[in-house]
Each structure stands twice: as structure tokens, then as C-alpha cells.
Amino acid sequence: MEKGKDISFLLKQEREALSYTLKEVSQKMGFQNYQILSNIESGQRDIKVWELSKLAEIYGRDINFFMSGKTEPSHTKILWRDPKQTEDKTKVERQFITLCQNYKKLLELTNEEHTALSIATVPAPNKQEFTNRGFSYVLELAEYYRKFLDLGGRPAYVISRKLEQDLDVLVLYLDLGITGSGASTASDFGKAILINSNDAPWRRNYDLAHEFFHLITWEIFSDEEIYPKSKDGKSKVEQWADAFASAVLLPVEEVSREFSKKLIDNKITYLSLVEIAREFDVSIDALLWRLVNLRHLRKKDVEKCVQEEGIRKIDKEMRQTNIADQRPYISSRYITLAIKAMQMGKISKAKFAEYVNKPFSEISSFVKKYGYTENEDYSIAFTAS
């Protein structure tokens, strides 16, 4: 097939894969009628560069995907909390993979070496241990990784940065709407975690630690083991991932110390519990069940408390902040690498806009938010002594 026909074939394939009609895509493109797109897909009309770029954006593909001439896209496994596939999820998956691939390119363009540490260099968890010891082994793993990454006594505040800087795990934040709360993947570009930027910070922290468990056990559990439902609605592996997340974010000694400090006559108020949850930047539910597991609170008391939702009301009132202002955008490290590549002349301003998914006209103000000036010379350097 000729190159143009390859592109036409792929454009039609991608539109149909997302169940878009010719009319829907034509409206997004600003075409006067759907016949223009139909002619492009049939190879009767040449496609313009800007049109291909826009269609790639609509279909959630890198423009190079269409230029490669491949008729079958390579499949990269993405592990979602909810395995149900939807059109919106397919689009998000494509954006996720594209960002991961761009991240690898940016590391190469900026000569950023991967850290000496990586998940691959850490002793892999033993599946037989999960089978034999279950939750006790999960808690051991959580404590091991907390110390290995030096997460300290308040892990939620540093875990994202530690995963990216120490283990080269790309942590991405996208607006997932109701598509899902988190996902993880591993491929030739490395390992990555996707988090819903719309969620509250304490929810994002928990999902991040949960997905981290899936990355360190990536080669151990099959999809069939992760997705089957048990009586409480979650597979055993998902229950382990939840337990791992709680143990990583709520270290035994630190949580026990804060709990003891707030006890008065062997009782602790709802307000004090909410204060502890805020101190560790986790949800009140995560804290309560962690305290049950540590035998600081009785299960029946927590179940009653959660059902009445009184403590959730206090938690919500105490966390009344503008969460929208705290929403992360893509990844600070990813954006910093893209800025560096642009300043080094490795990518154009237009390519930078494509990498960070921002209009060309907003790039100057966008870069300034990250402490850079677009036309500043950052090539000045010291000579090491």
C-alpha cells in the first residue's frame, strides 16, 4: 500500500475502534460536512498536516502512529481497578501510553540517565509466600518498600516523588472523569501509574500506593487472579493491594504514636481521628480500618461509625479547601523534562505544546508557572572542580 493509503486506512480503523461516526468527528474537526472526512478515509483526498495532527489528538494517538504505516497497533497491557472497557477508557488508555512513550523520548533527548535503582533490581515478591502467608507477607512487603524508598513517617507527602526519582516509575495525573481512579502499566518504556487528577489528594495517595503494589507484583499475578470477585466484591489480590497501600501510607509506629497521644481516659474523639487522617494525608476510612487492623479500635465500633457517617461529616468540614487548585497536571517531572528539551533545542515549541497537551498560544504562560522563562538562556554552566 502507498503511504497515503496506509494513513487513510488507519484513520478509519481508529475512528471505528472508538465507535465515532463520520459526522461526530467532522464536527470536532470543524469540517462543513462529513464527506471531507469520508474522502480522506477512502484515500480520495490528501490529508493536511494540521488535519492529521488534530485527528491524532481526537483519537488519542501520537501522530507518528499514523506515519508509521502499521495497520495493527501494538497492545500494551494496562491494569485498571475496574476491568470493564468503555469508549472513554480506550481514549484515556491511548493518551496514557502516548505520554509514557513521550516520557522515554524526553529522557533520551535530555540525556537524563535512569536511576541505578529500579523495581527490577529489587528482589521480586515470592508468589508462594502470598499463598502461604497472605496478609502478613503483604505487610512485610509494605514495610520493606517504605524503608527501601526512605518514605519516612509521613509517606503520602513523598511517595510520588520517590517513585519517579528513585525507581523511574512515571506517575501521571489525568482527568479520568468517572472512567476510573487508577491504573498501571509496564512496557518497553518502563513502568507507569495513572491517577485520576479529579480525586481528592488523600484518595490519589491511596490509589498511588495501591497501583505500586501491582507494579511490584506485575509478573506474579494473572488477570484472572486479579479480577475475579470474592464475597466482599474484591479478589484476594485486590484486597492485598489495599492492605499494602494502607501499610505503606500509615506506618505502624508513627500511627500508633499519634493515636496514643490523643487518647484521653482510653477514648479518642472523632475530631482527633480526623486530625490524624489529615496528618498522614489519607482518607478517614483508610485510617479507621488501619487502626482496626492494628487493634487500636474495635471493628464493630468502626463499622457503626462508618454507617452513621458522622465522622465523615467532620472530615469533610475540616478539609474544606479548594481541591481544584491542588489538582496535579500530567506530571511535574515529565513537564520539566519537556521544558528542558525545548530549552536545549531538542524539540520545537510546537512539539512541546503537543507533549504537554496545551494550545501553542498558552505555552509562554504555562512554562512560567513552572519557574522558567521561554526565551531565557539556560545553557550557562559551571565547571566542576
Protein backbone atom coordinates (compact mmCIF):
# COMPACT_ATOMS: atom_id res chain seq x y z
CA MET A 1 0.00 0.00 0.00
CA GLU A 2 1.08 3.59 -0.60
CA LYS A 3 1.86 5.76 2.41
CA GLY A 4 -1.26 7.94 1.95
CA LYS A 5 -3.50 4.89 1.77
CA ASP A 6 -1.89 3.48 4.90
CA ILE A 7 -2.79 6.67 6.76
CA SER A 8 -6.33 6.62 5.37
CA PHE A 9 -6.79 3.00 6.48
CA LEU A 10 -5.52 3.76 10.00
CA LEU A 11 -7.71 6.85 10.35
CA LYS A 12 -10.82 4.85 9.53
CA GLN A 13 -9.69 1.99 11.77
CA GLU A 14 -9.16 4.31 14.74
CA ARG A 15 -12.46 6.12 14.28
CA GLU A 16 -14.40 2.86 14.15
CA ALA A 17 -12.48 1.44 17.12
CA LEU A 18 -13.82 4.33 19.22
CA SER A 19 -17.32 3.99 17.73
CA TYR A 20 -17.23 7.54 16.40
CA THR A 21 -19.40 8.38 13.40
CA LEU A 22 -18.12 10.39 10.44
CA LYS A 23 -20.44 13.20 11.48
CA GLU A 24 -19.17 13.30 15.09
CA VAL A 25 -15.51 13.51 14.09
CA SER A 26 -16.25 16.01 11.31
CA GLN A 27 -17.89 18.30 13.86
CA LYS A 28 -14.85 18.05 16.14
CA MET A 29 -12.66 18.90 13.14
CA GLY A 30 -14.80 21.84 12.08
CA PHE A 31 -15.46 20.35 8.64
CA GLN A 32 -18.52 21.73 6.83
CA ASN A 33 -19.74 18.22 6.07
CA TYR A 34 -18.74 14.63 6.78
CA GLN A 35 -17.90 13.96 3.12
CA ILE A 36 -14.49 15.62 3.60
CA LEU A 37 -13.51 13.06 6.24
CA SER A 38 -15.05 10.25 4.20
CA ASN A 39 -12.88 11.24 1.23
CA ILE A 40 -9.78 11.33 3.44
CA GLU A 41 -10.52 7.85 4.81
CA SER A 42 -11.08 6.44 1.34
CA GLY A 43 -7.86 7.96 0.02
CA GLN A 44 -9.69 10.22 -2.42
CA ARG A 45 -8.37 13.36 -0.73
CA ASP A 46 -4.91 14.10 0.65
CA ILE A 47 -4.80 14.97 4.33
CA LYS A 48 -3.17 18.17 5.54
CA VAL A 49 -0.63 18.15 8.35
CA TRP A 50 -2.84 20.10 10.74
CA GLU A 51 -5.76 17.79 9.99
CA LEU A 52 -3.69 14.70 10.78
CA SER A 53 -2.42 16.32 13.99
CA LYS A 54 -5.97 17.16 15.09
CA LEU A 55 -7.31 13.70 14.24
CA ALA A 56 -4.43 12.11 16.16
CA GLU A 57 -5.46 14.19 19.17
CA ILE A 58 -9.13 13.20 18.82
CA TYR A 59 -8.22 9.52 18.58
CA GLY A 60 -5.71 9.69 21.42
CA ARG A 61 -2.78 8.66 19.24
CA ASP A 62 0.69 10.07 18.66
CA ILE A 63 0.87 11.44 15.12
CA ASN A 64 3.79 9.07 14.44
CA PHE A 65 1.35 6.18 14.85
CA PHE A 66 -0.28 7.17 11.56
CA MET A 67 3.01 7.98 9.85
CA SER A 68 4.49 4.54 10.64
CA GLY A 69 2.32 2.73 8.15
CA LYS A 70 1.42 -0.02 10.61
CA THR A 71 -2.09 -1.37 10.24
CA GLU A 72 -2.20 -3.15 13.60
CA PRO A 73 -1.42 -1.13 16.75
CA SER A 74 0.77 -2.85 19.30
CA HIS A 75 -1.02 -3.80 22.50
CA THR A 76 0.26 -2.66 25.87
CA LYS A 77 -1.34 -4.19 28.92
CA ILE A 78 -2.98 -1.69 31.26
CA LEU A 79 -4.28 -2.89 34.60
CA TRP A 80 -7.33 -0.92 35.75
CA ARG A 81 -9.09 -1.04 39.08
CA ASP A 82 -12.26 -1.72 37.08
CA PRO A 83 -11.60 -4.03 34.09
CA LYS A 84 -14.78 -3.05 32.23
CA GLN A 85 -13.81 -1.49 28.90
CA THR A 86 -15.59 1.63 27.65
CA GLU A 87 -15.02 4.08 24.79
CA ASP A 88 -13.83 6.76 27.23
CA LYS A 89 -11.42 4.32 28.82
CA THR A 90 -9.98 3.36 25.44
CA LYS A 91 -9.27 7.03 24.70
CA VAL A 92 -7.63 7.51 28.11
CA GLU A 93 -5.50 4.40 27.59
CA ARG A 94 -4.18 5.81 24.33
CA GLN A 95 -3.35 9.13 25.95
CA PHE A 96 -1.66 7.28 28.84
CA ILE A 97 0.52 5.20 26.51
CA THR A 98 1.41 8.21 24.35
CA LEU A 99 2.59 10.14 27.43
CA CYS A 100 4.65 7.15 28.56
CA GLN A 101 6.30 6.91 25.14
CA ASN A 102 6.94 10.66 25.12
CA TYR A 103 8.49 10.39 28.57
CA LYS A 104 11.00 7.86 27.29
CA LYS A 105 11.83 10.15 24.35
CA LEU A 106 12.33 13.11 26.69
CA LEU A 107 14.73 11.14 28.87
CA GLU A 108 16.78 10.31 25.78
CA LEU A 109 16.66 13.86 24.36
CA THR A 110 17.79 15.45 27.62
CA ASN A 111 20.42 12.79 28.35
CA GLU A 112 18.78 12.06 31.67
CA GLU A 113 20.13 8.74 32.86
CA HIS A 114 17.82 6.29 34.51
CA THR A 115 18.50 5.88 38.19
CA ALA A 116 20.65 2.98 39.37
CA LEU A 117 17.65 1.77 41.34
CA SER A 118 14.63 0.24 39.68
CA ILE A 119 11.87 -2.15 40.56
CA ALA A 120 13.73 -4.75 38.52
CA THR A 121 16.77 -4.54 40.83
CA VAL A 122 14.71 -5.09 43.97
CA PRO A 123 14.11 -8.73 44.96
CA ALA A 124 10.78 -9.73 43.45
CA PRO A 125 7.98 -10.78 45.79
CA ASN A 126 7.50 -14.53 46.08
CA LYS A 127 4.13 -15.83 44.94
CA GLN A 128 4.35 -18.86 47.21
CA GLU A 129 4.69 -16.51 50.19
CA PHE A 130 1.40 -14.86 49.22
CA THR A 131 -0.21 -18.26 49.06
CA ASN A 132 1.21 -19.45 52.37
CA ARG A 133 1.13 -16.29 54.48
CA GLY A 134 -1.29 -13.91 52.80
CA PHE A 135 -1.75 -10.57 54.59
CA SER A 136 1.20 -11.00 56.95
CA TYR A 137 3.50 -11.22 53.92
CA VAL A 138 1.84 -8.18 52.33
CA LEU A 139 2.50 -6.12 55.46
CA GLU A 140 6.14 -7.21 55.43
CA LEU A 141 6.46 -6.11 51.81
CA ALA A 142 4.89 -2.75 52.61
CA GLU A 143 7.36 -2.10 55.42
CA TYR A 144 10.26 -3.24 53.25
CA TYR A 145 9.42 -0.83 50.44
CA ARG A 146 8.67 2.01 52.84
CA LYS A 147 12.19 1.70 54.24
CA PHE A 148 13.80 0.95 50.87
CA LEU A 149 12.38 4.18 49.43
CA ASP A 150 13.05 6.08 52.65
CA LEU A 151 9.46 7.33 52.80
CA GLY A 152 9.79 8.41 56.42
CA GLY A 153 6.97 8.80 58.91
CA ARG A 154 4.58 10.61 56.55
CA PRO A 155 4.88 8.63 53.30
CA ALA A 156 1.97 10.31 51.47
CA TYR A 157 3.93 13.54 51.12
CA VAL A 158 6.89 12.00 49.29
CA ILE A 159 5.79 8.72 47.70
CA SER A 160 5.05 10.18 44.26
CA ARG A 161 8.43 11.93 44.03
CA LYS A 162 10.28 8.89 45.39
CA LEU A 163 8.70 6.52 42.88
CA GLU A 164 9.64 8.81 39.99
CA GLN A 165 13.13 9.78 41.14
CA ASP A 166 14.30 6.57 42.80
CA LEU A 167 12.52 3.87 40.80
CA ASP A 168 11.88 5.61 37.46
CA VAL A 169 8.16 4.94 37.76
CA LEU A 170 6.33 7.56 35.74
CA VAL A 171 3.39 8.88 37.77
CA LEU A 172 0.82 10.58 35.54
CA TYR A 173 -2.27 12.53 36.51
CA LEU A 174 -5.11 12.86 34.01
CA ASP A 175 -8.73 13.91 34.25
CA LEU A 176 -10.39 10.49 34.19
CA GLY A 177 -13.89 11.72 34.99
CA ILE A 178 -15.83 8.63 36.01
CA THR A 179 -13.59 6.34 33.93
CA GLY A 180 -11.64 5.12 36.94
CA SER A 181 -9.46 6.05 39.87
CA GLY A 182 -6.20 4.44 38.85
CA ALA A 183 -4.29 2.15 36.51
CA SER A 184 -0.78 0.83 35.97
CA THR A 185 1.25 -0.46 33.05
CA ALA A 186 4.68 -1.82 32.15
CA SER A 187 6.26 -1.98 28.71
CA ASP A 188 9.45 -1.14 26.84
CA PHE A 189 9.08 2.46 28.02
CA GLY A 190 9.24 1.31 31.64
CA LYS A 191 6.65 1.26 34.39
CA ALA A 192 3.94 3.86 34.92
CA ILE A 193 0.99 4.66 37.16
CA LEU A 194 -2.08 6.65 36.13
CA ILE A 195 -4.09 8.54 38.75
CA ASN A 196 -7.34 10.49 38.43
CA SER A 197 -6.42 14.16 38.91
CA ASN A 198 -10.05 14.92 39.84
CA ASP A 199 -9.86 12.87 43.01
CA ALA A 200 -9.05 14.43 46.38
CA PRO A 201 -5.35 14.39 47.38
CA TRP A 202 -5.85 11.71 50.04
CA ARG A 203 -7.63 9.48 47.54
CA ARG A 204 -4.86 9.97 44.99
CA ASN A 205 -2.25 9.00 47.59
CA TYR A 206 -4.06 5.76 48.36
CA ASP A 207 -4.55 4.86 44.70
CA LEU A 208 -0.88 5.55 44.02
CA ALA A 209 0.24 3.14 46.73
CA HIS A 210 -2.35 0.59 45.54
CA GLU A 211 -1.04 0.71 41.97
CA PHE A 212 2.53 0.48 43.22
CA PHE A 213 1.64 -2.95 44.63
CA HIS A 214 0.50 -4.05 41.17
CA LEU A 215 3.78 -2.90 39.64
CA ILE A 216 5.97 -4.81 42.08
CA THR A 217 3.82 -7.93 41.51
CA TRP A 218 3.42 -7.35 37.75
CA GLU A 219 4.90 -10.71 36.73
CA ILE A 220 3.29 -12.67 39.55
CA PHE A 221 -0.49 -12.46 39.25
CA SER A 222 -2.55 -13.10 36.14
CA ASP A 223 -5.54 -11.02 35.11
CA GLU A 224 -7.77 -13.93 36.12
CA GLU A 225 -6.38 -13.79 39.66
CA ILE A 226 -6.77 -10.03 39.94
CA TYR A 227 -10.26 -9.59 38.54
CA PRO A 228 -12.40 -12.48 39.91
CA LYS A 229 -14.76 -11.31 42.63
CA SER A 230 -14.88 -12.70 46.15
CA LYS A 231 -17.79 -12.38 48.57
CA ASP A 232 -16.92 -8.81 49.54
CA GLY A 233 -16.63 -7.71 45.91
CA LYS A 234 -12.84 -7.82 45.57
CA SER A 235 -10.41 -10.50 44.58
CA LYS A 236 -7.80 -11.59 47.11
CA VAL A 237 -5.10 -9.78 45.11
CA GLU A 238 -7.07 -6.51 45.24
CA GLN A 239 -7.52 -6.94 48.99
CA TRP A 240 -3.77 -7.40 49.31
CA ALA A 241 -3.18 -4.27 47.24
CA ASP A 242 -5.46 -2.30 49.58
CA ALA A 243 -3.68 -3.68 52.65
CA PHE A 244 -0.30 -2.83 51.10
CA ALA A 245 -1.41 0.75 50.39
CA SER A 246 -2.64 1.26 53.96
CA ALA A 247 0.52 -0.19 55.47
CA VAL A 248 2.80 1.91 53.26
CA LEU A 249 0.98 5.18 53.96
CA LEU A 250 0.26 4.52 57.64
CA PRO A 251 3.43 3.14 59.31
CA VAL A 252 2.76 1.11 62.46
CA GLU A 253 4.96 3.04 64.89
CA GLU A 254 4.03 6.51 63.65
CA VAL A 255 0.28 5.86 63.58
CA SER A 256 0.34 4.14 66.97
CA ARG A 257 2.27 7.06 68.47
CA GLU A 258 -0.18 9.67 67.16
CA PHE A 259 -3.13 7.56 68.28
CA SER A 260 -1.74 7.19 71.82
CA LYS A 261 -1.02 10.93 72.10
CA LYS A 262 -4.68 11.76 71.50
CA LEU A 263 -6.16 9.22 73.89
CA ILE A 264 -7.95 10.66 76.94
CA ASP A 265 -9.18 8.16 79.53
CA ASN A 266 -8.66 5.45 76.90
CA LYS A 267 -11.01 7.21 74.47
CA ILE A 268 -10.39 9.15 71.28
CA THR A 269 -12.76 11.69 69.74
CA TYR A 270 -13.90 11.78 66.12
CA LEU A 271 -12.16 15.13 65.80
CA SER A 272 -8.84 13.65 66.92
CA LEU A 273 -9.15 10.80 64.43
CA VAL A 274 -9.82 13.24 61.61
CA GLU A 275 -6.75 15.23 62.68
CA ILE A 276 -4.62 12.08 62.44
CA ALA A 277 -6.01 11.29 58.98
CA ARG A 278 -5.11 14.80 57.85
CA GLU A 279 -1.66 14.49 59.41
CA PHE A 280 -0.92 11.44 57.24
CA ASP A 281 -2.89 12.81 54.26
CA VAL A 282 -5.12 9.75 53.93
CA SER A 283 -8.88 9.29 53.98
CA ILE A 284 -10.63 8.83 57.30
CA ASP A 285 -11.82 5.39 56.15
CA ALA A 286 -8.25 4.26 55.42
CA LEU A 287 -7.14 5.39 58.88
CA LEU A 288 -10.05 3.76 60.72
CA TRP A 289 -9.52 0.36 59.12
CA ARG A 290 -5.78 0.59 59.66
CA LEU A 291 -6.45 1.22 63.36
CA VAL A 292 -8.74 -1.81 63.41
CA ASN A 293 -6.01 -3.97 61.89
CA LEU A 294 -3.53 -2.63 64.44
CA ARG A 295 -6.08 -3.50 67.17
CA HIS A 296 -6.33 0.07 68.39
CA LEU A 297 -10.06 0.21 67.58
CA ARG A 298 -12.80 -2.41 67.62
CA LYS A 299 -14.18 -3.49 64.26
CA LYS A 300 -17.82 -3.25 65.33
CA ASP A 301 -17.32 0.32 66.57
CA VAL A 302 -15.76 1.39 63.28
CA GLU A 303 -18.49 -0.32 61.23
CA LYS A 304 -21.14 1.54 63.22
CA CYS A 305 -19.23 4.81 62.92
CA VAL A 306 -18.86 4.49 59.15
CA GLN A 307 -22.56 3.67 58.72
CA GLU A 308 -23.63 6.73 60.68
CA GLU A 309 -21.25 8.89 58.61
CA GLY A 310 -20.85 11.39 61.44
CA ILE A 311 -17.08 11.18 61.30
CA ARG A 312 -17.12 11.67 57.52
CA LYS A 313 -19.07 14.90 58.01
CA ILE A 314 -16.39 16.20 60.40
CA ASP A 315 -13.67 15.08 58.00
CA LYS A 316 -15.31 16.90 55.10
CA GLU A 317 -15.76 20.11 57.09
CA MET A 318 -12.13 20.13 58.21
CA ARG A 319 -10.85 19.60 54.69
CA GLN A 320 -12.82 22.45 53.14
CA THR A 321 -10.19 23.68 50.69
CA ASN A 322 -10.29 24.41 47.00
CA ILE A 323 -9.32 20.95 45.80
CA ALA A 324 -9.39 22.15 42.18
CA ASP A 325 -6.35 24.32 42.92
CA GLN A 326 -4.47 21.26 44.16
CA ARG A 327 -5.06 19.10 41.11
CA PRO A 328 -1.79 17.98 39.52
CA TYR A 329 -1.38 18.26 35.76
CA ILE A 330 0.20 15.32 33.92
CA SER A 331 3.49 15.12 35.90
CA SER A 332 5.87 17.78 37.19
CA ARG A 333 8.88 15.70 36.19
CA TYR A 334 7.51 14.99 32.72
CA ILE A 335 6.80 18.69 32.14
CA THR A 336 10.21 19.72 33.49
CA LEU A 337 11.89 17.30 31.08
CA ALA A 338 9.82 18.69 28.21
CA ILE A 339 10.82 22.27 29.14
CA LYS A 340 14.46 21.22 29.31
CA ALA A 341 14.25 19.53 25.90
CA MET A 342 12.72 22.68 24.41
CA GLN A 343 15.37 24.93 26.01
CA MET A 344 18.09 22.63 24.64
CA GLY A 345 16.63 22.94 21.15
CA LYS A 346 15.79 19.24 21.04
CA ILE A 347 12.09 19.85 20.43
CA SER A 348 10.26 22.80 18.93
CA LYS A 349 7.76 24.97 20.75
CA ALA A 350 5.01 23.35 18.69
CA LYS A 351 6.20 19.87 19.68
CA PHE A 352 6.38 20.99 23.31
CA ALA A 353 2.75 22.13 23.09
CA GLU A 354 1.88 18.69 21.74
CA TYR A 355 3.80 16.95 24.53
CA VAL A 356 2.04 18.88 27.32
CA ASN A 357 -1.35 19.00 25.55
CA LYS A 358 -1.63 22.80 25.65
CA PRO A 359 -2.52 25.29 22.90
CA PHE A 360 0.52 26.89 21.26
CA SER A 361 -0.67 30.33 22.35
CA GLU A 362 -0.56 29.35 26.05
CA ILE A 363 2.97 27.94 26.14
CA SER A 364 4.73 31.08 27.43
CA SER A 365 2.41 31.45 30.43
CA PHE A 366 2.38 27.69 31.01
CA VAL A 367 6.20 27.49 31.15
CA LYS A 368 6.29 30.47 33.51
CA LYS A 369 4.14 28.58 36.02
CA TYR A 370 6.99 26.09 36.36
CA GLY A 371 9.57 28.80 37.06
CA TYR A 372 11.00 29.13 33.55
CA THR A 373 11.08 31.98 31.05
CA GLU A 374 10.59 30.87 27.47
CA ASN A 375 13.46 32.86 25.89
CA GLU A 376 15.91 32.67 28.80
CA ASP A 377 19.33 31.11 28.12
CA TYR A 378 19.69 28.13 30.47
CA SER A 379 22.82 26.76 28.81
CA ILE A 380 25.20 28.60 31.20
CA ALA A 381 27.02 26.05 33.34
CA PHE A 382 29.73 25.71 36.00
CA THR A 383 32.87 23.68 35.51
CA ALA A 384 33.20 21.03 38.20
CA SER A 385 36.29 21.27 40.40
